[in-house]
Amino acid sequence: MKAAGLALTLAAAALLSACVVAPVPRAGYYGGGYGDGAEIIVDAPPPAPYAEVVPVAPYPGAVWIGGYWGWRGGRHQWVPGYYERPHPGYRYEPNRWENRGGRWHLRIGGWIRL
């Protein structure tokens, strides 16, 4: 009985050791306006803004990119904010939802040339 339990524990450990946790890559856009034309359009309005606690900047001049309500799996999902290095000659335009004719459009933000 002990051998079966030990074998099960070792098998579970082997399976779990294959898991990899990696940070989500941060996409950016450098240009004169919003993204590449891809747009998310839904019928459900986003929830009320989420009050994020902004952590202390990790280095001088760090720019806080606030979180927003994204759309994934058929529902709104909070995408947390993060710090990013500043981009001289650019300003950051945040992601935002716009109501157009009763449908909600997610305008993707990014770095906009000044």
PDB file of N, CA and C in Angstrom:
ATOM      1  N   MET A   1       0.822  -1.187   0.000  1.00  0.00           N
ATOM      2  CA  MET A   1       0.000   0.000   0.000  1.00  0.00           C
ATOM      3  C   MET A   1       0.870   1.256   0.000  1.00  0.00           C
ATOM      4  N   LYS A   2       1.957   1.224   0.811  1.00  0.00           N
ATOM      5  CA  LYS A   2       2.857   2.375   0.860  1.00  0.00           C
ATOM      6  C   LYS A   2       3.548   2.577  -0.478  1.00  0.00           C
ATOM      7  N   ALA A   3       3.880   1.492  -1.145  1.00  0.00           N
ATOM      8  CA  ALA A   3       4.552   1.585  -2.442  1.00  0.00           C
ATOM      9  C   ALA A   3       3.640   2.243  -3.474  1.00  0.00           C
ATOM     10  N   ALA A   4       2.349   1.910  -3.449  1.00  0.00           N
ATOM     11  CA  ALA A   4       1.398   2.516  -4.397  1.00  0.00           C
ATOM     12  C   ALA A   4       1.264   4.011  -4.136  1.00  0.00           C
ATOM     13  N   GLY A   5       1.205   4.402  -2.878  1.00  0.00           N
ATOM     14  CA  GLY A   5       1.119   5.824  -2.524  1.00  0.00           C
ATOM     15  C   GLY A   5       2.358   6.580  -2.953  1.00  0.00           C
ATOM     16  N   LEU A   6       3.526   5.967  -2.729  1.00  0.00           N
ATOM     17  CA  LEU A   6       4.777   6.589  -3.130  1.00  0.00           C
ATOM     18  C   LEU A   6       4.846   6.724  -4.653  1.00  0.00           C
ATOM     19  N   ALA A   7       4.412   5.700  -5.375  1.00  0.00           N
ATOM     20  CA  ALA A   7       4.412   5.743  -6.843  1.00  0.00           C
ATOM     21  C   ALA A   7       3.483   6.843  -7.350  1.00  0.00           C
ATOM     22  N   LEU A   8       2.318   6.983  -6.732  1.00  0.00           N
ATOM     23  CA  LEU A   8       1.362   8.027  -7.124  1.00  0.00           C
ATOM     24  C   LEU A   8       1.944   9.411  -6.851  1.00  0.00           C
ATOM     25  N   THR A   9       2.582   9.588  -5.711  1.00  0.00           N
ATOM     26  CA  THR A   9       3.205  10.872  -5.373  1.00  0.00           C
ATOM     27  C   THR A   9       4.312  11.219  -6.358  1.00  0.00           C
ATOM     28  N   LEU A  10       5.140  10.249  -6.700  1.00  0.00           N
ATOM     29  CA  LEU A  10       6.219  10.489  -7.659  1.00  0.00           C
ATOM     30  C   LEU A  10       5.680  10.806  -9.051  1.00  0.00           C
ATOM     31  N   ALA A  11       4.617  10.130  -9.461  1.00  0.00           N
ATOM     32  CA  ALA A  11       4.006  10.399 -10.769  1.00  0.00           C
ATOM     33  C   ALA A  11       3.429  11.809 -10.804  1.00  0.00           C
ATOM     34  N   ALA A  12       2.755  12.219  -9.732  1.00  0.00           N
ATOM     35  CA  ALA A  12       2.192  13.575  -9.665  1.00  0.00           C
ATOM     36  C   ALA A  12       3.300  14.618  -9.697  1.00  0.00           C
ATOM     37  N   ALA A  13       4.374  14.385  -8.969  1.00  0.00           N
ATOM     38  CA  ALA A  13       5.507  15.320  -8.964  1.00  0.00           C
ATOM     39  C   ALA A  13       6.128  15.433 -10.348  1.00  0.00           C
ATOM     40  N   ALA A  14       6.250  14.317 -11.055  1.00  0.00           N
ATOM     41  CA  ALA A  14       6.816  14.334 -12.408  1.00  0.00           C
ATOM     42  C   ALA A  14       5.937  15.135 -13.359  1.00  0.00           C
ATOM     43  N   LEU A  15       4.620  14.957 -13.253  1.00  0.00           N
ATOM     44  CA  LEU A  15       3.704  15.715 -14.112  1.00  0.00           C
ATOM     45  C   LEU A  15       3.762  17.205 -13.808  1.00  0.00           C
ATOM     46  N   LEU A  16       3.778  17.554 -12.531  1.00  0.00           N
ATOM     47  CA  LEU A  16       3.801  18.964 -12.160  1.00  0.00           C
ATOM     48  C   LEU A  16       5.121  19.633 -12.498  1.00  0.00           C
ATOM     49  N   SER A  17       6.181  18.887 -12.553  1.00  0.00           N
ATOM     50  CA  SER A  17       7.483  19.481 -12.873  1.00  0.00           C
ATOM     51  C   SER A  17       7.535  19.960 -14.320  1.00  0.00           C
ATOM     52  N   ALA A  18       6.612  19.520 -15.147  1.00  0.00           N
ATOM     53  CA  ALA A  18       6.579  19.943 -16.549  1.00  0.00           C
ATOM     54  C   ALA A  18       5.879  21.284 -16.724  1.00  0.00           C
ATOM     55  N   CYS A  19       5.255  21.808 -15.672  1.00  0.00           N
ATOM     56  CA  CYS A  19       4.553  23.093 -15.764  1.00  0.00           C
ATOM     57  C   CYS A  19       5.568  24.228 -15.841  1.00  0.00           C
ATOM     58  N   VAL A  20       5.287  25.199 -16.689  1.00  0.00           N
ATOM     59  CA  VAL A  20       6.140  26.370 -16.822  1.00  0.00           C
ATOM     60  C   VAL A  20       5.288  27.599 -16.592  1.00  0.00           C
ATOM     61  N   VAL A  21       5.744  28.483 -15.735  1.00  0.00           N
ATOM     62  CA  VAL A  21       5.060  29.750 -15.510  1.00  0.00           C
ATOM     63  C   VAL A  21       5.915  30.834 -16.122  1.00  0.00           C
ATOM     64  N   ALA A  22       5.362  31.521 -17.107  1.00  0.00           N
ATOM     65  CA  ALA A  22       6.112  32.557 -17.798  1.00  0.00           C
ATOM     66  C   ALA A  22       5.300  33.845 -17.793  1.00  0.00           C
ATOM     67  N   PRO A  23       5.949  35.010 -17.732  1.00  0.00           N
ATOM     68  CA  PRO A  23       5.203  36.267 -17.753  1.00  0.00           C
ATOM     69  C   PRO A  23       4.527  36.486 -19.100  1.00  0.00           C
ATOM     70  N   VAL A  24       3.399  37.177 -19.073  1.00  0.00           N
ATOM     71  CA  VAL A  24       2.678  37.505 -20.292  1.00  0.00           C
ATOM     72  C   VAL A  24       3.461  38.578 -21.032  1.00  0.00           C
ATOM     73  N   PRO A  25       3.739  38.391 -22.317  1.00  0.00           N
ATOM     74  CA  PRO A  25       4.469  39.425 -23.040  1.00  0.00           C
ATOM     75  C   PRO A  25       3.624  40.691 -23.170  1.00  0.00           C
ATOM     76  N   ARG A  26       4.270  41.820 -23.077  1.00  0.00           N
ATOM     77  CA  ARG A  26       3.582  43.103 -23.199  1.00  0.00           C
ATOM     78  C   ARG A  26       3.700  43.584 -24.638  1.00  0.00           C
ATOM     79  N   ALA A  27       2.562  43.790 -25.270  1.00  0.00           N
ATOM     80  CA  ALA A  27       2.580  44.277 -26.643  1.00  0.00           C
ATOM     81  C   ALA A  27       2.606  45.794 -26.631  1.00  0.00           C
ATOM     82  N   GLY A  28       3.197  46.374 -27.598  1.00  0.00           N
ATOM     83  CA  GLY A  28       3.216  47.821 -27.715  1.00  0.00           C
ATOM     84  C   GLY A  28       2.978  48.214 -29.155  1.00  0.00           C
ATOM     85  N   TYR A  29       2.615  49.463 -29.355  1.00  0.00           N
ATOM     86  CA  TYR A  29       2.400  49.954 -30.706  1.00  0.00           C
ATOM     87  C   TYR A  29       3.108  51.283 -30.837  1.00  0.00           C
ATOM     88  N   TYR A  30       3.894  51.399 -31.850  1.00  0.00           N
ATOM     89  CA  TYR A  30       4.613  52.640 -32.100  1.00  0.00           C
ATOM     90  C   TYR A  30       4.147  53.167 -33.447  1.00  0.00           C
ATOM     91  N   GLY A  31       3.436  54.248 -33.424  1.00  0.00           N
ATOM     92  CA  GLY A  31       2.944  54.794 -34.676  1.00  0.00           C
ATOM     93  C   GLY A  31       2.131  56.046 -34.428  1.00  0.00           C
ATOM     94  N   GLY A  32       1.372  56.432 -35.402  1.00  0.00           N
ATOM     95  CA  GLY A  32       0.632  57.672 -35.311  1.00  0.00           C
ATOM     96  C   GLY A  32      -0.771  57.509 -34.789  1.00  0.00           C
ATOM     97  N   GLY A  33      -1.179  56.332 -34.385  1.00  0.00           N
ATOM     98  CA  GLY A  33      -2.544  56.151 -33.904  1.00  0.00           C
ATOM     99  C   GLY A  33      -2.717  54.825 -33.226  1.00  0.00           C
ATOM    100  N   TYR A  34      -3.939  54.361 -33.201  1.00  0.00           N
ATOM    101  CA  TYR A  34      -4.237  53.110 -32.518  1.00  0.00           C
ATOM    102  C   TYR A  34      -3.859  51.920 -33.387  1.00  0.00           C
ATOM    103  N   GLY A  35      -3.772  50.761 -32.745  1.00  0.00           N
ATOM    104  CA  GLY A  35      -3.404  49.468 -33.306  1.00  0.00           C
ATOM    105  C   GLY A  35      -3.534  49.243 -34.790  1.00  0.00           C
ATOM    106  N   ASP A  36      -3.538  48.015 -35.185  1.00  0.00           N
ATOM    107  CA  ASP A  36      -3.469  47.631 -36.584  1.00  0.00           C
ATOM    108  C   ASP A  36      -4.832  47.400 -37.215  1.00  0.00           C
ATOM    109  N   GLY A  37      -5.900  47.904 -36.620  1.00  0.00           N
ATOM    110  CA  GLY A  37      -7.223  47.725 -37.184  1.00  0.00           C
ATOM    111  C   GLY A  37      -8.005  46.619 -36.516  1.00  0.00           C
ATOM    112  N   ALA A  38      -7.330  45.727 -35.787  1.00  0.00           N
ATOM    113  CA  ALA A  38      -8.041  44.683 -35.064  1.00  0.00           C
ATOM    114  C   ALA A  38      -8.867  45.355 -33.973  1.00  0.00           C
ATOM    115  N   GLU A  39     -10.104  44.946 -33.849  1.00  0.00           N
ATOM    116  CA  GLU A  39     -10.989  45.580 -32.887  1.00  0.00           C
ATOM    117  C   GLU A  39     -11.859  44.528 -32.233  1.00  0.00           C
ATOM    118  N   ILE A  40     -12.112  44.708 -30.958  1.00  0.00           N
ATOM    119  CA  ILE A  40     -13.018  43.823 -30.232  1.00  0.00           C
ATOM    120  C   ILE A  40     -14.323  44.561 -30.060  1.00  0.00           C
ATOM    121  N   ILE A  41     -15.428  43.931 -30.483  1.00  0.00           N
ATOM    122  CA  ILE A  41     -16.762  44.531 -30.383  1.00  0.00           C
ATOM    123  C   ILE A  41     -17.657  43.550 -29.657  1.00  0.00           C
ATOM    124  N   VAL A  42     -18.283  44.012 -28.575  1.00  0.00           N
ATOM    125  CA  VAL A  42     -19.152  43.149 -27.775  1.00  0.00           C
ATOM    126  C   VAL A  42     -20.429  43.896 -27.415  1.00  0.00           C
ATOM    127  N   ASP A  43     -21.434  43.135 -26.966  1.00  0.00           N
ATOM    128  CA  ASP A  43     -22.696  43.741 -26.557  1.00  0.00           C
ATOM    129  C   ASP A  43     -22.730  44.108 -25.079  1.00  0.00           C
ATOM    130  N   ALA A  44     -21.857  43.520 -24.283  1.00  0.00           N
ATOM    131  CA  ALA A  44     -21.858  43.736 -22.833  1.00  0.00           C
ATOM    132  C   ALA A  44     -20.957  44.909 -22.461  1.00  0.00           C
ATOM    133  N   PRO A  45     -21.465  45.862 -21.689  1.00  0.00           N
ATOM    134  CA  PRO A  45     -20.608  46.973 -21.257  1.00  0.00           C
ATOM    135  C   PRO A  45     -19.553  46.471 -20.269  1.00  0.00           C
ATOM    136  N   PRO A  46     -18.417  47.139 -20.212  1.00  0.00           N
ATOM    137  CA  PRO A  46     -17.396  46.718 -19.245  1.00  0.00           C
ATOM    138  C   PRO A  46     -17.862  47.017 -17.818  1.00  0.00           C
ATOM    139  N   PRO A  47     -17.375  46.262 -16.851  1.00  0.00           N
ATOM    140  CA  PRO A  47     -17.703  46.565 -15.453  1.00  0.00           C
ATOM    141  C   PRO A  47     -17.144  47.928 -15.047  1.00  0.00           C
ATOM    142  N   ALA A  48     -17.518  48.367 -13.871  1.00  0.00           N
ATOM    143  CA  ALA A  48     -16.990  49.629 -13.341  1.00  0.00           C
ATOM    144  C   ALA A  48     -15.472  49.541 -13.261  1.00  0.00           C
ATOM    145  N   PRO A  49     -14.790  50.677 -13.401  1.00  0.00           N
ATOM    146  CA  PRO A  49     -13.328  50.644 -13.322  1.00  0.00           C
ATOM    147  C   PRO A  49     -12.856  49.995 -12.024  1.00  0.00           C
ATOM    148  N   TYR A  50     -11.781  49.267 -12.134  1.00  0.00           N
ATOM    149  CA  TYR A  50     -11.183  48.567 -11.002  1.00  0.00           C
ATOM    150  C   TYR A  50     -10.150  49.498 -10.383  1.00  0.00           C
ATOM    151  N   ALA A  51     -10.207  49.668  -9.088  1.00  0.00           N
ATOM    152  CA  ALA A  51      -9.254  50.553  -8.399  1.00  0.00           C
ATOM    153  C   ALA A  51      -7.963  49.792  -8.132  1.00  0.00           C
ATOM    154  N   GLU A  52      -6.970  50.021  -8.969  1.00  0.00           N
ATOM    155  CA  GLU A  52      -5.681  49.351  -8.805  1.00  0.00           C
ATOM    156  C   GLU A  52      -4.835  50.077  -7.776  1.00  0.00           C
ATOM    157  N   VAL A  53      -4.088  49.331  -7.013  1.00  0.00           N
ATOM    158  CA  VAL A  53      -3.084  49.906  -6.134  1.00  0.00           C
ATOM    159  C   VAL A  53      -1.799  49.962  -6.950  1.00  0.00           C
ATOM    160  N   VAL A  54      -1.314  51.171  -7.178  1.00  0.00           N
ATOM    161  CA  VAL A  54      -0.113  51.343  -7.992  1.00  0.00           C
ATOM    162  C   VAL A  54       1.107  51.123  -7.100  1.00  0.00           C
ATOM    163  N   PRO A  55       1.919  50.116  -7.406  1.00  0.00           N
ATOM    164  CA  PRO A  55       3.108  49.868  -6.580  1.00  0.00           C
ATOM    165  C   PRO A  55       4.168  50.946  -6.784  1.00  0.00           C
ATOM    166  N   VAL A  56       5.120  50.969  -5.900  1.00  0.00           N
ATOM    167  CA  VAL A  56       6.236  51.906  -6.012  1.00  0.00           C
ATOM    168  C   VAL A  56       6.985  51.623  -7.311  1.00  0.00           C
ATOM    169  N   ALA A  57       7.374  52.689  -7.994  1.00  0.00           N
ATOM    170  CA  ALA A  57       8.096  52.539  -9.263  1.00  0.00           C
ATOM    171  C   ALA A  57       9.375  51.741  -9.066  1.00  0.00           C
ATOM    172  N   PRO A  58       9.663  50.791  -9.954  1.00  0.00           N
ATOM    173  CA  PRO A  58      10.846  49.950  -9.794  1.00  0.00           C
ATOM    174  C   PRO A  58      12.158  50.661 -10.126  1.00  0.00           C
ATOM    175  N   TYR A  59      12.080  51.809 -10.816  1.00  0.00           N
ATOM    176  CA  TYR A  59      13.263  52.575 -11.175  1.00  0.00           C
ATOM    177  C   TYR A  59      12.820  53.997 -11.505  1.00  0.00           C
ATOM    178  N   PRO A  60      13.713  54.976 -11.429  1.00  0.00           N
ATOM    179  CA  PRO A  60      13.345  56.363 -11.715  1.00  0.00           C
ATOM    180  C   PRO A  60      12.840  56.528 -13.147  1.00  0.00           C
ATOM    181  N   GLY A  61      11.762  57.270 -13.298  1.00  0.00           N
ATOM    182  CA  GLY A  61      11.210  57.556 -14.622  1.00  0.00           C
ATOM    183  C   GLY A  61      10.275  56.494 -15.159  1.00  0.00           C
ATOM    184  N   ALA A  62      10.044  55.423 -14.416  1.00  0.00           N
ATOM    185  CA  ALA A  62       9.146  54.360 -14.883  1.00  0.00           C
ATOM    186  C   ALA A  62       7.750  54.924 -15.117  1.00  0.00           C
ATOM    187  N   VAL A  63       7.093  54.468 -16.174  1.00  0.00           N
ATOM    188  CA  VAL A  63       5.742  54.927 -16.534  1.00  0.00           C
ATOM    189  C   VAL A  63       4.739  53.844 -16.158  1.00  0.00           C
ATOM    190  N   TRP A  64       3.726  54.203 -15.374  1.00  0.00           N
ATOM    191  CA  TRP A  64       2.677  53.256 -15.004  1.00  0.00           C
ATOM    192  C   TRP A  64       1.679  53.156 -16.146  1.00  0.00           C
ATOM    193  N   ILE A  65       1.469  51.945 -16.646  1.00  0.00           N
ATOM    194  CA  ILE A  65       0.473  51.665 -17.674  1.00  0.00           C
ATOM    195  C   ILE A  65      -0.693  51.016 -16.931  1.00  0.00           C
ATOM    196  N   GLY A  66      -1.776  51.759 -16.778  1.00  0.00           N
ATOM    197  CA  GLY A  66      -2.909  51.281 -15.989  1.00  0.00           C
ATOM    198  C   GLY A  66      -3.603  50.076 -16.603  1.00  0.00           C
ATOM    199  N   GLY A  67      -4.201  49.268 -15.740  1.00  0.00           N
ATOM    200  CA  GLY A  67      -4.942  48.103 -16.199  1.00  0.00           C
ATOM    201  C   GLY A  67      -6.248  48.506 -16.878  1.00  0.00           C
ATOM    202  N   TYR A  68      -6.902  47.528 -17.475  1.00  0.00           N
ATOM    203  CA  TYR A  68      -8.156  47.786 -18.183  1.00  0.00           C
ATOM    204  C   TYR A  68      -8.964  46.495 -18.255  1.00  0.00           C
ATOM    205  N   TRP A  69     -10.232  46.627 -18.571  1.00  0.00           N
ATOM    206  CA  TRP A  69     -11.081  45.455 -18.773  1.00  0.00           C
ATOM    207  C   TRP A  69     -10.902  44.986 -20.209  1.00  0.00           C
ATOM    208  N   GLY A  70     -10.302  43.814 -20.368  1.00  0.00           N
ATOM    209  CA  GLY A  70     -10.153  43.205 -21.682  1.00  0.00           C
ATOM    210  C   GLY A  70     -11.323  42.264 -21.941  1.00  0.00           C
ATOM    211  N   TRP A  71     -11.245  41.502 -23.004  1.00  0.00           N
ATOM    212  CA  TRP A  71     -12.295  40.536 -23.354  1.00  0.00           C
ATOM    213  C   TRP A  71     -11.637  39.209 -23.668  1.00  0.00           C
ATOM    214  N   ARG A  72     -12.011  38.175 -22.919  1.00  0.00           N
ATOM    215  CA  ARG A  72     -11.431  36.853 -23.138  1.00  0.00           C
ATOM    216  C   ARG A  72     -12.431  35.797 -22.687  1.00  0.00           C
ATOM    217  N   GLY A  73     -12.548  34.754 -23.475  1.00  0.00           N
ATOM    218  CA  GLY A  73     -13.432  33.650 -23.101  1.00  0.00           C
ATOM    219  C   GLY A  73     -14.892  34.053 -23.015  1.00  0.00           C
ATOM    220  N   GLY A  74     -15.298  35.037 -23.807  1.00  0.00           N
ATOM    221  CA  GLY A  74     -16.703  35.449 -23.823  1.00  0.00           C
ATOM    222  C   GLY A  74     -17.124  36.325 -22.655  1.00  0.00           C
ATOM    223  N   ARG A  75     -16.139  36.922 -21.964  1.00  0.00           N
ATOM    224  CA  ARG A  75     -16.493  37.813 -20.852  1.00  0.00           C
ATOM    225  C   ARG A  75     -15.379  38.836 -20.625  1.00  0.00           C
ATOM    226  N   HIS A  76     -15.722  39.891 -19.888  1.00  0.00           N
ATOM    227  CA  HIS A  76     -14.719  40.888 -19.522  1.00  0.00           C
ATOM    228  C   HIS A  76     -13.768  40.282 -18.501  1.00  0.00           C
ATOM    229  N   GLN A  77     -12.499  40.581 -18.667  1.00  0.00           N
ATOM    230  CA  GLN A  77     -11.483  40.073 -17.744  1.00  0.00           C
ATOM    231  C   GLN A  77     -10.493  41.195 -17.468  1.00  0.00           C
ATOM    232  N   TRP A  78     -10.180  41.404 -16.181  1.00  0.00           N
ATOM    233  CA  TRP A  78      -9.262  42.476 -15.818  1.00  0.00           C
ATOM    234  C   TRP A  78      -7.835  42.143 -16.252  1.00  0.00           C
ATOM    235  N   VAL A  79      -7.206  43.102 -16.938  1.00  0.00           N
ATOM    236  CA  VAL A  79      -5.809  42.995 -17.337  1.00  0.00           C
ATOM    237  C   VAL A  79      -5.055  43.980 -16.446  1.00  0.00           C
ATOM    238  N   PRO A  80      -4.215  43.488 -15.549  1.00  0.00           N
ATOM    239  CA  PRO A  80      -3.569  44.392 -14.585  1.00  0.00           C
ATOM    240  C   PRO A  80      -2.554  45.337 -15.216  1.00  0.00           C
ATOM    241  N   GLY A  81      -2.355  46.465 -14.539  1.00  0.00           N
ATOM    242  CA  GLY A  81      -1.374  47.443 -14.990  1.00  0.00           C
ATOM    243  C   GLY A  81       0.048  46.978 -14.704  1.00  0.00           C
ATOM    244  N   TYR A  82       0.998  47.718 -15.235  1.00  0.00           N
ATOM    245  CA  TYR A  82       2.414  47.377 -15.092  1.00  0.00           C
ATOM    246  C   TYR A  82       3.253  48.614 -15.375  1.00  0.00           C
ATOM    247  N   TYR A  83       4.494  48.563 -14.977  1.00  0.00           N
ATOM    248  CA  TYR A  83       5.430  49.646 -15.274  1.00  0.00           C
ATOM    249  C   TYR A  83       6.173  49.339 -16.562  1.00  0.00           C
ATOM    250  N   GLU A  84       6.512  50.413 -17.270  1.00  0.00           N
ATOM    251  CA  GLU A  84       7.278  50.283 -18.510  1.00  0.00           C
ATOM    252  C   GLU A  84       8.266  51.433 -18.595  1.00  0.00           C
ATOM    253  N   ARG A  85       9.317  51.230 -19.335  1.00  0.00           N
ATOM    254  CA  ARG A  85      10.298  52.307 -19.533  1.00  0.00           C
ATOM    255  C   ARG A  85       9.664  53.393 -20.409  1.00  0.00           C
ATOM    256  N   PRO A  86       9.988  54.657 -20.143  1.00  0.00           N
ATOM    257  CA  PRO A  86       9.440  55.736 -20.979  1.00  0.00           C
ATOM    258  C   PRO A  86       9.995  55.666 -22.401  1.00  0.00           C
ATOM    259  N   HIS A  87       9.265  56.219 -23.321  1.00  0.00           N
ATOM    260  CA  HIS A  87       9.676  56.266 -24.725  1.00  0.00           C
ATOM    261  C   HIS A  87       9.777  57.736 -25.129  1.00  0.00           C
ATOM    262  N   PRO A  88      10.979  58.284 -25.168  1.00  0.00           N
ATOM    263  CA  PRO A  88      11.140  59.703 -25.513  1.00  0.00           C
ATOM    264  C   PRO A  88      10.461  60.023 -26.850  1.00  0.00           C
ATOM    265  N   GLY A  89       9.730  61.122 -26.863  1.00  0.00           N
ATOM    266  CA  GLY A  89       9.035  61.545 -28.072  1.00  0.00           C
ATOM    267  C   GLY A  89       7.676  60.900 -28.264  1.00  0.00           C
ATOM    268  N   TYR A  90       7.212  60.121 -27.259  1.00  0.00           N
ATOM    269  CA  TYR A  90       5.915  59.449 -27.327  1.00  0.00           C
ATOM    270  C   TYR A  90       5.145  59.702 -26.038  1.00  0.00           C
ATOM    271  N   ARG A  91       3.845  59.568 -26.107  1.00  0.00           N
ATOM    272  CA  ARG A  91       2.994  59.564 -24.923  1.00  0.00           C
ATOM    273  C   ARG A  91       2.169  58.292 -24.966  1.00  0.00           C
ATOM    274  N   TYR A  92       1.740  57.836 -23.793  1.00  0.00           N
ATOM    275  CA  TYR A  92       0.969  56.601 -23.761  1.00  0.00           C
ATOM    276  C   TYR A  92      -0.526  56.910 -23.768  1.00  0.00           C
ATOM    277  N   GLU A  93      -1.248  56.304 -24.669  1.00  0.00           N
ATOM    278  CA  GLU A  93      -2.707  56.413 -24.751  1.00  0.00           C
ATOM    279  C   GLU A  93      -3.281  55.102 -24.229  1.00  0.00           C
ATOM    280  N   PRO A  94      -4.090  55.141 -23.156  1.00  0.00           N
ATOM    281  CA  PRO A  94      -4.579  53.893 -22.559  1.00  0.00           C
ATOM    282  C   PRO A  94      -5.640  53.195 -23.415  1.00  0.00           C
ATOM    283  N   ASN A  95      -5.806  51.900 -23.185  1.00  0.00           N
ATOM    284  CA  ASN A  95      -6.904  51.141 -23.797  1.00  0.00           C
ATOM    285  C   ASN A  95      -8.202  51.684 -23.227  1.00  0.00           C
ATOM    286  N   ARG A  96      -9.258  51.676 -24.019  1.00  0.00           N
ATOM    287  CA  ARG A  96     -10.536  52.139 -23.498  1.00  0.00           C
ATOM    288  C   ARG A  96     -11.692  51.581 -24.309  1.00  0.00           C
ATOM    289  N   TRP A  97     -12.827  51.442 -23.620  1.00  0.00           N
ATOM    290  CA  TRP A  97     -14.057  50.977 -24.257  1.00  0.00           C
ATOM    291  C   TRP A  97     -14.885  52.172 -24.690  1.00  0.00           C
ATOM    292  N   GLU A  98     -15.473  52.083 -25.878  1.00  0.00           N
ATOM    293  CA  GLU A  98     -16.352  53.136 -26.394  1.00  0.00           C
ATOM    294  C   GLU A  98     -17.682  52.518 -26.791  1.00  0.00           C
ATOM    295  N   ASN A  99     -18.770  53.198 -26.413  1.00  0.00           N
ATOM    296  CA  ASN A  99     -20.111  52.742 -26.783  1.00  0.00           C
ATOM    297  C   ASN A  99     -20.475  53.385 -28.114  1.00  0.00           C
ATOM    298  N   ARG A 100     -20.711  52.543 -29.110  1.00  0.00           N
ATOM    299  CA  ARG A 100     -21.119  53.027 -30.439  1.00  0.00           C
ATOM    300  C   ARG A 100     -22.385  52.298 -30.846  1.00  0.00           C
ATOM    301  N   GLY A 101     -23.492  52.992 -30.784  1.00  0.00           N
ATOM    302  CA  GLY A 101     -24.767  52.400 -31.202  1.00  0.00           C
ATOM    303  C   GLY A 101     -25.191  51.216 -30.355  1.00  0.00           C
ATOM    304  N   GLY A 102     -24.859  51.241 -29.059  1.00  0.00           N
ATOM    305  CA  GLY A 102     -25.267  50.163 -28.168  1.00  0.00           C
ATOM    306  C   GLY A 102     -24.311  48.977 -28.130  1.00  0.00           C
ATOM    307  N   ARG A 103     -23.260  49.030 -28.930  1.00  0.00           N
ATOM    308  CA  ARG A 103     -22.238  47.969 -28.902  1.00  0.00           C
ATOM    309  C   ARG A 103     -20.963  48.583 -28.348  1.00  0.00           C
ATOM    310  N   TRP A 104     -20.170  47.778 -27.673  1.00  0.00           N
ATOM    311  CA  TRP A 104     -18.961  48.249 -27.021  1.00  0.00           C
ATOM    312  C   TRP A 104     -17.732  47.853 -27.824  1.00  0.00           C
ATOM    313  N   HIS A 105     -16.891  48.837 -28.140  1.00  0.00           N
ATOM    314  CA  HIS A 105     -15.690  48.663 -28.945  1.00  0.00           C
ATOM    315  C   HIS A 105     -14.475  48.932 -28.063  1.00  0.00           C
ATOM    316  N   LEU A 106     -13.531  48.001 -28.038  1.00  0.00           N
ATOM    317  CA  LEU A 106     -12.300  48.195 -27.286  1.00  0.00           C
ATOM    318  C   LEU A 106     -11.281  48.846 -28.200  1.00  0.00           C
ATOM    319  N   ARG A 107     -10.911  50.080 -27.860  1.00  0.00           N
ATOM    320  CA  ARG A 107      -9.852  50.780 -28.595  1.00  0.00           C
ATOM    321  C   ARG A 107      -8.543  50.459 -27.911  1.00  0.00           C
ATOM    322  N   ILE A 108      -7.659  49.841 -28.653  1.00  0.00           N
ATOM    323  CA  ILE A 108      -6.369  49.435 -28.121  1.00  0.00           C
ATOM    324  C   ILE A 108      -5.454  50.652 -28.055  1.00  0.00           C
ATOM    325  N   GLY A 109      -4.879  50.872 -26.901  1.00  0.00           N
ATOM    326  CA  GLY A 109      -3.967  52.007 -26.719  1.00  0.00           C
ATOM    327  C   GLY A 109      -2.549  51.643 -27.099  1.00  0.00           C
ATOM    328  N   GLY A 110      -1.662  52.548 -26.809  1.00  0.00           N
ATOM    329  CA  GLY A 110      -0.244  52.322 -27.090  1.00  0.00           C
ATOM    330  C   GLY A 110       0.525  53.621 -27.059  1.00  0.00           C
ATOM    331  N   TRP A 111       1.759  53.554 -27.436  1.00  0.00           N
ATOM    332  CA  TRP A 111       2.621  54.735 -27.463  1.00  0.00           C
ATOM    333  C   TRP A 111       2.357  55.519 -28.745  1.00  0.00           C
ATOM    334  N   ILE A 112       2.041  56.793 -28.582  1.00  0.00           N
ATOM    335  CA  ILE A 112       1.703  57.677 -29.707  1.00  0.00           C
ATOM    336  C   ILE A 112       2.807  58.723 -29.847  1.00  0.00           C
ATOM    337  N   ARG A 113       3.271  58.897 -31.066  1.00  0.00           N
ATOM    338  CA  ARG A 113       4.321  59.911 -31.316  1.00  0.00           C
ATOM    339  C   ARG A 113       3.750  61.307 -31.031  1.00  0.00           C
ATOM    340  N   LEU A 114       4.554  62.117 -30.346  1.00  0.00           N
ATOM    341  CA  LEU A 114       4.130  63.493 -30.036  1.00  0.00           C
ATOM    342  C   LEU A 114       4.229  64.394 -31.236  1.00  0.00           C
TER     343      LEU A 114
END
